[in-house]
Amino acid sequence: MDNVYPPAPPSSRRRGVLADEVADYLRQLVLTGALRPGQKIDQDAVGQALDVSRSPIREALVTLGQEGLLELNPRRGASVAMLTPEDIVDHFELFGVIAGRAAAMAAESLTVEQLGDLRTVHDRFTQDDPATLQQLNHDFHRLINLHAPRRTRWLLHHLERSVPTNYYEFADGWSHQAVRHHAEILEALIERCPDKARQAMESHLHESGVAAAARLEATGFFASQEAETV
């Protein structure tokens, strides 16, 4: 039976779909367990889901191959890489190293007004709607990341795009953990303590990776590749 991939949300579309949008779409399917290790990417199904030609799809496959999410074979096409829980955690920890650097800088440069804005965002983190939580999370980290140098901000943007966008829906109970983590980060920033801010941010992203790996494991994501090796 032909693969049928879910259509991309309308909010993610913009005029002239580009390869990075296709990459975002496929990355989301892999990192939320919709596509399993070893599963071949059906380019026709992707094209139908996103209403795009083969050209941006091929570019996206190369990008995801470079990221280690896909295995590329000239004769067999592309398939989801045999990822492990350690791979998932490692990716988030790398994110944490860069985000921690930005937090350390923010601890020394955030103004009193900017700290107030950050506290306001944090205090609103009592919503139940995953989309609202995701936006608040984005706003919280953006206010911190703005104090990093231009190249660091570029890298943070790239790393942010490489994790599930619907994290608060994907990882069960994550909103409660995130509130506690954000409170620790905010406290370090208010205290103007760069080392404490760095450690709090790195710990936050590490725990994010642990939660993501645990959620994937609960869906049988890793078990599917273990069965193939038996």
C-alpha atoms as a PDB file:
ATOM      1  CA  MET A   1       0.000   0.000   0.000  1.00  0.00           C
ATOM      2  CA  ASP A   2       1.315   3.468  -0.845  1.00  0.00           C
ATOM      3  CA  ASN A   3       2.553   5.639   1.991  1.00  0.00           C
ATOM      4  CA  VAL A   4       0.376   8.627   2.778  1.00  0.00           C
ATOM      5  CA  TYR A   5       2.098  11.345   4.794  1.00  0.00           C
ATOM      6  CA  PRO A   6       0.045  13.896   6.740  1.00  0.00           C
ATOM      7  CA  PRO A   7      -0.282  17.293   5.042  1.00  0.00           C
ATOM      8  CA  ALA A   8       1.825  20.125   6.440  1.00  0.00           C
ATOM      9  CA  PRO A   9      -0.085  22.545   8.725  1.00  0.00           C
ATOM     10  CA  PRO A  10      -1.306  25.597   6.772  1.00  0.00           C
ATOM     11  CA  SER A  11       0.573  27.917   9.142  1.00  0.00           C
ATOM     12  CA  SER A  12       3.881  26.398   8.051  1.00  0.00           C
ATOM     13  CA  ARG A  13       3.345  27.197   4.371  1.00  0.00           C
ATOM     14  CA  ARG A  14       4.652  30.263   2.630  1.00  0.00           C
ATOM     15  CA  ARG A  15       4.852  31.314  -0.983  1.00  0.00           C
ATOM     16  CA  GLY A  16       7.338  29.161  -2.825  1.00  0.00           C
ATOM     17  CA  VAL A  17       7.976  26.152  -0.606  1.00  0.00           C
ATOM     18  CA  LEU A  18      11.737  25.734  -0.157  1.00  0.00           C
ATOM     19  CA  ALA A  19      13.932  22.759   0.611  1.00  0.00           C
ATOM     20  CA  ASP A  20      14.343  23.815   4.241  1.00  0.00           C
ATOM     21  CA  GLU A  21      10.567  23.626   4.707  1.00  0.00           C
ATOM     22  CA  VAL A  22      10.581  20.080   3.378  1.00  0.00           C
ATOM     23  CA  ALA A  23      13.474  19.292   5.725  1.00  0.00           C
ATOM     24  CA  ASP A  24      11.529  20.755   8.661  1.00  0.00           C
ATOM     25  CA  TYR A  25       8.540  18.596   7.773  1.00  0.00           C
ATOM     26  CA  LEU A  26      10.508  15.338   7.494  1.00  0.00           C
ATOM     27  CA  ARG A  27      12.623  16.137  10.547  1.00  0.00           C
ATOM     28  CA  GLN A  28       9.429  16.558  12.550  1.00  0.00           C
ATOM     29  CA  LEU A  29       8.117  13.178  11.365  1.00  0.00           C
ATOM     30  CA  VAL A  30      11.356  11.437  12.338  1.00  0.00           C
ATOM     31  CA  LEU A  31      11.870  13.095  15.725  1.00  0.00           C
ATOM     32  CA  THR A  32       8.277  12.485  16.834  1.00  0.00           C
ATOM     33  CA  GLY A  33       8.394   8.830  15.786  1.00  0.00           C
ATOM     34  CA  ALA A  34       5.969   9.083  12.860  1.00  0.00           C
ATOM     35  CA  LEU A  35       8.754   7.723  10.649  1.00  0.00           C
ATOM     36  CA  ARG A  36      10.731   4.806  12.074  1.00  0.00           C
ATOM     37  CA  PRO A  37      14.398   3.761  11.803  1.00  0.00           C
ATOM     38  CA  GLY A  38      14.997   1.945   8.528  1.00  0.00           C
ATOM     39  CA  GLN A  39      11.772   3.207   6.956  1.00  0.00           C
ATOM     40  CA  LYS A  40      12.247   4.447   3.407  1.00  0.00           C
ATOM     41  CA  ILE A  41      11.229   8.001   2.581  1.00  0.00           C
ATOM     42  CA  ASP A  42       8.439   7.973   0.005  1.00  0.00           C
ATOM     43  CA  GLN A  43       9.243  11.030  -2.101  1.00  0.00           C
ATOM     44  CA  ASP A  44       5.944  10.843  -3.960  1.00  0.00           C
ATOM     45  CA  ALA A  45       4.024  10.899  -0.669  1.00  0.00           C
ATOM     46  CA  VAL A  46       6.092  13.860   0.568  1.00  0.00           C
ATOM     47  CA  GLY A  47       5.441  15.697  -2.678  1.00  0.00           C
ATOM     48  CA  GLN A  48       1.698  15.127  -2.352  1.00  0.00           C
ATOM     49  CA  ALA A  49       1.657  16.182   1.309  1.00  0.00           C
ATOM     50  CA  LEU A  50       3.516  19.426   0.650  1.00  0.00           C
ATOM     51  CA  ASP A  51       2.529  19.990  -2.987  1.00  0.00           C
ATOM     52  CA  VAL A  52       6.171  20.306  -4.078  1.00  0.00           C
ATOM     53  CA  SER A  53       8.320  18.902  -6.849  1.00  0.00           C
ATOM     54  CA  ARG A  54      11.185  16.422  -6.482  1.00  0.00           C
ATOM     55  CA  SER A  55      13.877  19.111  -6.540  1.00  0.00           C
ATOM     56  CA  PRO A  56      13.318  20.614  -3.029  1.00  0.00           C
ATOM     57  CA  ILE A  57      12.674  17.128  -1.689  1.00  0.00           C
ATOM     58  CA  ARG A  58      16.049  15.901  -2.912  1.00  0.00           C
ATOM     59  CA  GLU A  59      17.761  18.945  -1.394  1.00  0.00           C
ATOM     60  CA  ALA A  60      16.000  18.298   1.914  1.00  0.00           C
ATOM     61  CA  LEU A  61      17.094  14.654   1.918  1.00  0.00           C
ATOM     62  CA  VAL A  62      20.712  15.720   1.499  1.00  0.00           C
ATOM     63  CA  THR A  63      20.362  18.160   4.408  1.00  0.00           C
ATOM     64  CA  LEU A  64      18.867  15.521   6.693  1.00  0.00           C
ATOM     65  CA  GLY A  65      21.529  13.050   5.603  1.00  0.00           C
ATOM     66  CA  GLN A  66      24.195  15.518   6.689  1.00  0.00           C
ATOM     67  CA  GLU A  67      22.407  15.889  10.033  1.00  0.00           C
ATOM     68  CA  GLY A  68      22.520  12.120  10.524  1.00  0.00           C
ATOM     69  CA  LEU A  69      18.761  11.656  10.540  1.00  0.00           C
ATOM     70  CA  LEU A  70      18.638   9.889   7.174  1.00  0.00           C
ATOM     71  CA  GLU A  71      20.752   7.301   5.377  1.00  0.00           C
ATOM     72  CA  LEU A  72      21.237   8.114   1.691  1.00  0.00           C
ATOM     73  CA  ASN A  73      21.797   5.391  -0.870  1.00  0.00           C
ATOM     74  CA  PRO A  74      22.080   6.304  -4.582  1.00  0.00           C
ATOM     75  CA  ARG A  75      20.239   3.114  -5.590  1.00  0.00           C
ATOM     76  CA  ARG A  76      17.808   2.625  -2.721  1.00  0.00           C
ATOM     77  CA  GLY A  77      16.921   6.228  -1.968  1.00  0.00           C
ATOM     78  CA  ALA A  78      16.731   7.659   1.550  1.00  0.00           C
ATOM     79  CA  SER A  79      15.650   5.950   4.757  1.00  0.00           C
ATOM     80  CA  VAL A  80      15.503   6.942   8.406  1.00  0.00           C
ATOM     81  CA  ALA A  81      18.842   6.397  10.137  1.00  0.00           C
ATOM     82  CA  MET A  82      19.229   3.794  12.874  1.00  0.00           C
ATOM     83  CA  LEU A  83      19.090   6.288  15.705  1.00  0.00           C
ATOM     84  CA  THR A  84      19.679   5.425  19.359  1.00  0.00           C
ATOM     85  CA  PRO A  85      18.497   7.154  22.549  1.00  0.00           C
ATOM     86  CA  GLU A  86      22.066   8.407  22.952  1.00  0.00           C
ATOM     87  CA  ASP A  87      21.855  10.102  19.538  1.00  0.00           C
ATOM     88  CA  ILE A  88      18.754  12.023  20.604  1.00  0.00           C
ATOM     89  CA  VAL A  89      20.224  13.103  23.950  1.00  0.00           C
ATOM     90  CA  ASP A  90      23.525  14.060  22.311  1.00  0.00           C
ATOM     91  CA  HIS A  91      21.740  16.350  19.870  1.00  0.00           C
ATOM     92  CA  PHE A  92      19.947  18.205  22.664  1.00  0.00           C
ATOM     93  CA  GLU A  93      23.147  18.445  24.696  1.00  0.00           C
ATOM     94  CA  LEU A  94      24.908  20.075  21.754  1.00  0.00           C
ATOM     95  CA  PHE A  95      22.010  22.514  21.600  1.00  0.00           C
ATOM     96  CA  GLY A  96      22.511  23.090  25.329  1.00  0.00           C
ATOM     97  CA  VAL A  97      26.191  23.979  24.975  1.00  0.00           C
ATOM     98  CA  ILE A  98      25.399  26.802  22.545  1.00  0.00           C
ATOM     99  CA  ALA A  99      22.270  27.917  24.412  1.00  0.00           C
ATOM    100  CA  GLY A 100      24.232  27.875  27.670  1.00  0.00           C
ATOM    101  CA  ARG A 101      26.809  30.223  26.162  1.00  0.00           C
ATOM    102  CA  ALA A 102      24.013  32.611  25.166  1.00  0.00           C
ATOM    103  CA  ALA A 103      22.504  32.445  28.664  1.00  0.00           C
ATOM    104  CA  ALA A 104      25.861  33.280  30.260  1.00  0.00           C
ATOM    105  CA  MET A 105      26.131  36.356  28.039  1.00  0.00           C
ATOM    106  CA  ALA A 106      22.551  37.364  28.804  1.00  0.00           C
ATOM    107  CA  ALA A 107      23.272  37.216  32.552  1.00  0.00           C
ATOM    108  CA  GLU A 108      25.705  40.082  32.068  1.00  0.00           C
ATOM    109  CA  SER A 109      23.811  42.157  29.521  1.00  0.00           C
ATOM    110  CA  LEU A 110      20.053  41.875  30.146  1.00  0.00           C
ATOM    111  CA  THR A 111      18.578  45.198  31.291  1.00  0.00           C
ATOM    112  CA  VAL A 112      16.136  45.486  34.180  1.00  0.00           C
ATOM    113  CA  GLU A 113      13.339  46.061  31.662  1.00  0.00           C
ATOM    114  CA  GLN A 114      14.336  42.990  29.648  1.00  0.00           C
ATOM    115  CA  LEU A 115      14.438  40.875  32.791  1.00  0.00           C
ATOM    116  CA  GLY A 116      10.915  42.119  33.493  1.00  0.00           C
ATOM    117  CA  ASP A 117       9.801  41.011  30.031  1.00  0.00           C
ATOM    118  CA  LEU A 118      11.368  37.595  30.629  1.00  0.00           C
ATOM    119  CA  ARG A 119       9.587  37.264  33.971  1.00  0.00           C
ATOM    120  CA  THR A 120       6.280  38.201  32.325  1.00  0.00           C
ATOM    121  CA  VAL A 121       6.692  35.433  29.748  1.00  0.00           C
ATOM    122  CA  HIS A 122       7.626  32.972  32.491  1.00  0.00           C
ATOM    123  CA  ASP A 123       4.597  33.925  34.619  1.00  0.00           C
ATOM    124  CA  ARG A 124       2.291  33.200  31.684  1.00  0.00           C
ATOM    125  CA  PHE A 125       3.546  29.620  31.541  1.00  0.00           C
ATOM    126  CA  THR A 126       0.372  28.333  33.169  1.00  0.00           C
ATOM    127  CA  GLN A 127      -1.494  27.618  29.938  1.00  0.00           C
ATOM    128  CA  ASP A 128      -2.695  24.164  28.936  1.00  0.00           C
ATOM    129  CA  ASP A 129      -2.762  24.705  25.185  1.00  0.00           C
ATOM    130  CA  PRO A 130       0.358  23.099  23.614  1.00  0.00           C
ATOM    131  CA  ALA A 131       0.536  25.708  20.844  1.00  0.00           C
ATOM    132  CA  THR A 132       0.476  28.545  23.388  1.00  0.00           C
ATOM    133  CA  LEU A 133       3.108  26.834  25.506  1.00  0.00           C
ATOM    134  CA  GLN A 134       5.296  26.354  22.460  1.00  0.00           C
ATOM    135  CA  GLN A 135       5.058  30.053  21.608  1.00  0.00           C
ATOM    136  CA  LEU A 136       5.822  31.103  25.186  1.00  0.00           C
ATOM    137  CA  ASN A 137       8.802  28.768  25.229  1.00  0.00           C
ATOM    138  CA  HIS A 138      10.023  30.291  21.971  1.00  0.00           C
ATOM    139  CA  ASP A 139       9.612  33.812  23.385  1.00  0.00           C
ATOM    140  CA  PHE A 140      11.450  32.917  26.607  1.00  0.00           C
ATOM    141  CA  HIS A 141      14.489  31.549  24.798  1.00  0.00           C
ATOM    142  CA  ARG A 142      14.430  34.275  22.135  1.00  0.00           C
ATOM    143  CA  LEU A 143      14.723  37.020  24.766  1.00  0.00           C
ATOM    144  CA  ILE A 144      17.825  35.279  26.081  1.00  0.00           C
ATOM    145  CA  ASN A 145      19.366  34.375  22.731  1.00  0.00           C
ATOM    146  CA  LEU A 146      19.131  37.952  21.450  1.00  0.00           C
ATOM    147  CA  HIS A 147      22.135  38.757  23.652  1.00  0.00           C
ATOM    148  CA  ALA A 148      24.396  36.323  21.841  1.00  0.00           C
ATOM    149  CA  PRO A 149      26.648  37.323  18.897  1.00  0.00           C
ATOM    150  CA  ARG A 150      25.209  37.106  15.390  1.00  0.00           C
ATOM    151  CA  ARG A 151      26.889  33.787  14.470  1.00  0.00           C
ATOM    152  CA  THR A 152      25.797  32.195  17.732  1.00  0.00           C
ATOM    153  CA  ARG A 153      22.221  33.332  17.125  1.00  0.00           C
ATOM    154  CA  TRP A 154      22.349  31.795  13.641  1.00  0.00           C
ATOM    155  CA  LEU A 155      23.512  28.466  15.067  1.00  0.00           C
ATOM    156  CA  LEU A 156      20.877  28.561  17.806  1.00  0.00           C
ATOM    157  CA  HIS A 157      18.193  29.167  15.189  1.00  0.00           C
ATOM    158  CA  HIS A 158      19.401  26.166  13.200  1.00  0.00           C
ATOM    159  CA  LEU A 159      19.493  23.926  16.283  1.00  0.00           C
ATOM    160  CA  GLU A 160      16.071  25.101  17.404  1.00  0.00           C
ATOM    161  CA  ARG A 161      14.627  24.084  14.047  1.00  0.00           C
ATOM    162  CA  SER A 162      16.154  20.624  14.407  1.00  0.00           C
ATOM    163  CA  VAL A 163      13.995  19.612  17.399  1.00  0.00           C
ATOM    164  CA  PRO A 164      10.243  18.865  17.354  1.00  0.00           C
ATOM    165  CA  THR A 165       8.220  22.066  17.061  1.00  0.00           C
ATOM    166  CA  ASN A 166       5.268  20.555  18.941  1.00  0.00           C
ATOM    167  CA  TYR A 167       7.396  19.584  21.922  1.00  0.00           C
ATOM    168  CA  TYR A 168       4.737  20.392  24.530  1.00  0.00           C
ATOM    169  CA  GLU A 169       2.345  18.042  22.793  1.00  0.00           C
ATOM    170  CA  PHE A 170       4.967  15.462  21.929  1.00  0.00           C
ATOM    171  CA  ALA A 171       6.609  15.066  25.382  1.00  0.00           C
ATOM    172  CA  ASP A 172       4.039  14.172  28.046  1.00  0.00           C
ATOM    173  CA  GLY A 173       4.111  16.357  31.143  1.00  0.00           C
ATOM    174  CA  TRP A 174       6.969  18.448  29.810  1.00  0.00           C
ATOM    175  CA  SER A 175       5.299  21.794  30.598  1.00  0.00           C
ATOM    176  CA  HIS A 176       5.655  21.226  34.356  1.00  0.00           C
ATOM    177  CA  GLN A 177       9.338  20.371  34.061  1.00  0.00           C
ATOM    178  CA  ALA A 178       9.949  23.320  31.753  1.00  0.00           C
ATOM    179  CA  VAL A 179       8.424  25.751  34.257  1.00  0.00           C
ATOM    180  CA  ARG A 180      10.870  24.559  36.911  1.00  0.00           C
ATOM    181  CA  HIS A 181      13.819  24.723  34.522  1.00  0.00           C
ATOM    182  CA  HIS A 182      12.879  28.190  33.308  1.00  0.00           C
ATOM    183  CA  ALA A 183      12.558  29.391  36.902  1.00  0.00           C
ATOM    184  CA  GLU A 184      16.127  28.243  37.582  1.00  0.00           C
ATOM    185  CA  ILE A 185      17.396  29.970  34.440  1.00  0.00           C
ATOM    186  CA  LEU A 186      15.517  33.168  35.302  1.00  0.00           C
ATOM    187  CA  GLU A 187      16.888  33.135  38.858  1.00  0.00           C
ATOM    188  CA  ALA A 188      20.450  32.869  37.561  1.00  0.00           C
ATOM    189  CA  LEU A 189      19.869  35.737  35.142  1.00  0.00           C
ATOM    190  CA  ILE A 190      18.406  37.959  37.873  1.00  0.00           C
ATOM    191  CA  GLU A 191      21.407  37.158  40.068  1.00  0.00           C
ATOM    192  CA  ARG A 192      23.718  38.148  37.183  1.00  0.00           C
ATOM    193  CA  CYS A 193      25.543  34.840  37.515  1.00  0.00           C
ATOM    194  CA  PRO A 194      26.876  33.697  34.108  1.00  0.00           C
ATOM    195  CA  ASP A 195      28.126  30.289  35.282  1.00  0.00           C
ATOM    196  CA  LYS A 196      24.848  29.467  37.002  1.00  0.00           C
ATOM    197  CA  ALA A 197      22.857  30.599  33.937  1.00  0.00           C
ATOM    198  CA  ARG A 198      25.009  28.453  31.666  1.00  0.00           C
ATOM    199  CA  GLN A 199      24.623  25.382  33.875  1.00  0.00           C
ATOM    200  CA  ALA A 200      20.851  25.877  34.229  1.00  0.00           C
ATOM    201  CA  MET A 201      20.397  26.188  30.461  1.00  0.00           C
ATOM    202  CA  GLU A 202      22.607  23.189  29.681  1.00  0.00           C
ATOM    203  CA  SER A 203      20.712  21.113  32.247  1.00  0.00           C
ATOM    204  CA  HIS A 204      17.391  22.236  30.744  1.00  0.00           C
ATOM    205  CA  LEU A 205      18.363  21.077  27.251  1.00  0.00           C
ATOM    206  CA  HIS A 206      19.873  17.834  28.571  1.00  0.00           C
ATOM    207  CA  GLU A 207      16.613  16.992  30.336  1.00  0.00           C
ATOM    208  CA  SER A 208      14.747  17.927  27.151  1.00  0.00           C
ATOM    209  CA  GLY A 209      16.775  15.323  25.287  1.00  0.00           C
ATOM    210  CA  VAL A 210      16.190  12.685  27.947  1.00  0.00           C
ATOM    211  CA  ALA A 211      12.433  13.355  27.790  1.00  0.00           C
ATOM    212  CA  ALA A 212      12.420  13.210  23.971  1.00  0.00           C
ATOM    213  CA  ALA A 213      14.337   9.920  23.937  1.00  0.00           C
ATOM    214  CA  ALA A 214      12.030   8.443  26.586  1.00  0.00           C
ATOM    215  CA  ARG A 215       8.951   9.481  24.609  1.00  0.00           C
ATOM    216  CA  LEU A 216      10.314   7.907  21.433  1.00  0.00           C
ATOM    217  CA  GLU A 217      11.204   4.735  23.307  1.00  0.00           C
ATOM    218  CA  ALA A 218       7.672   4.547  24.689  1.00  0.00           C
ATOM    219  CA  THR A 219       6.309   4.531  21.130  1.00  0.00           C
ATOM    220  CA  GLY A 220       8.560   1.626  20.156  1.00  0.00           C
ATOM    221  CA  PHE A 221      10.733   3.851  17.962  1.00  0.00           C
ATOM    222  CA  PHE A 222      14.014   2.164  18.927  1.00  0.00           C
ATOM    223  CA  ALA A 223      12.513  -1.297  19.247  1.00  0.00           C
ATOM    224  CA  SER A 224      11.694  -1.302  15.542  1.00  0.00           C
ATOM    225  CA  GLN A 225      15.386  -1.288  14.629  1.00  0.00           C
ATOM    226  CA  GLU A 226      16.297  -3.797  17.346  1.00  0.00           C
ATOM    227  CA  ALA A 227      13.865  -6.257  15.757  1.00  0.00           C
ATOM    228  CA  GLU A 228      15.685  -5.926  12.426  1.00  0.00           C
ATOM    229  CA  THR A 229      19.031  -6.887  13.969  1.00  0.00           C
ATOM    230  CA  VAL A 230      17.759 -10.036  15.687  1.00  0.00           C
END
